[in-house]
Amino acid sequence: MANTHIFNNIAGNYDTDERKEIALHTAHTIKELIKQLDIKGRTLLDYGCGTGLVGLKLLDLFDETIFVDASEKMVEAVWEKINSDKIQGVTAICSNAAKKHDPLLKGDVLIMTQVLLHEPDVRGLLSRLYEAVNPGGTIIIVDFERNDKVESDRVHSGFELMQLQADLLYAGFEPIHSHLFLHAEKFFMGEDASLFVLVGKK
């Protein structure tokens, strides 16, 4: 994942009230989709997990959860939460699938929340993450809908769902569901933003 140095610098102050609220909505949306789509799986991979704000709210759905982030400081923050709450069946590792496939990454359900936003080579990352999802598994992507008012040399301006569905197909996943679920003011680089969820099957 790109911008790793930035996330290392902000890890200690990442859990703002606004991010916690967005994470709560995101986790609720993912939970409802898992129930509605009858998504099965014992192991959750939270790729680009940050401080675990979303994945920690999904622990009751899985036997094992693996938190993954390219930022060492973010992974340290997850471990602090794991150890503080004495959580079982959970681990956190520092890994960057954008650079190379990591054979240690294996799960039945892989979630990514506002991760692709920071990745220059979206198709390349999705193709490597295809190898991390077990046969019959599921990928769940949460990110920003495209907003052309956002101009940055560090992140995408969000995504068009049709294009991202095409990127999933290119990587080997079959898109099976997508919808917008949250609109927030001034949340995306100072601009209003809508979050979508996109689900694919391997």
Foldseek 3Di string as FASTA:
>chain_A
DPPLVVLLVCLVPPDDPVVLVVLVLVLVVVVVCCVVVVADWAEEEEAQCQLVSNVVSCVVRHQAYEYEHQHPSSQVNNVVVCVVVVDPRYHYDHDDVLVPADPVQATQEYEYEAPQFQRPCNLSSLLSCVNNHDAFGKYKYKHWDADVVDDDPGGHSHHDPVVVQVSNVSSPWHWDDKDWDDWDALPHVGHITIMMMTMTTD
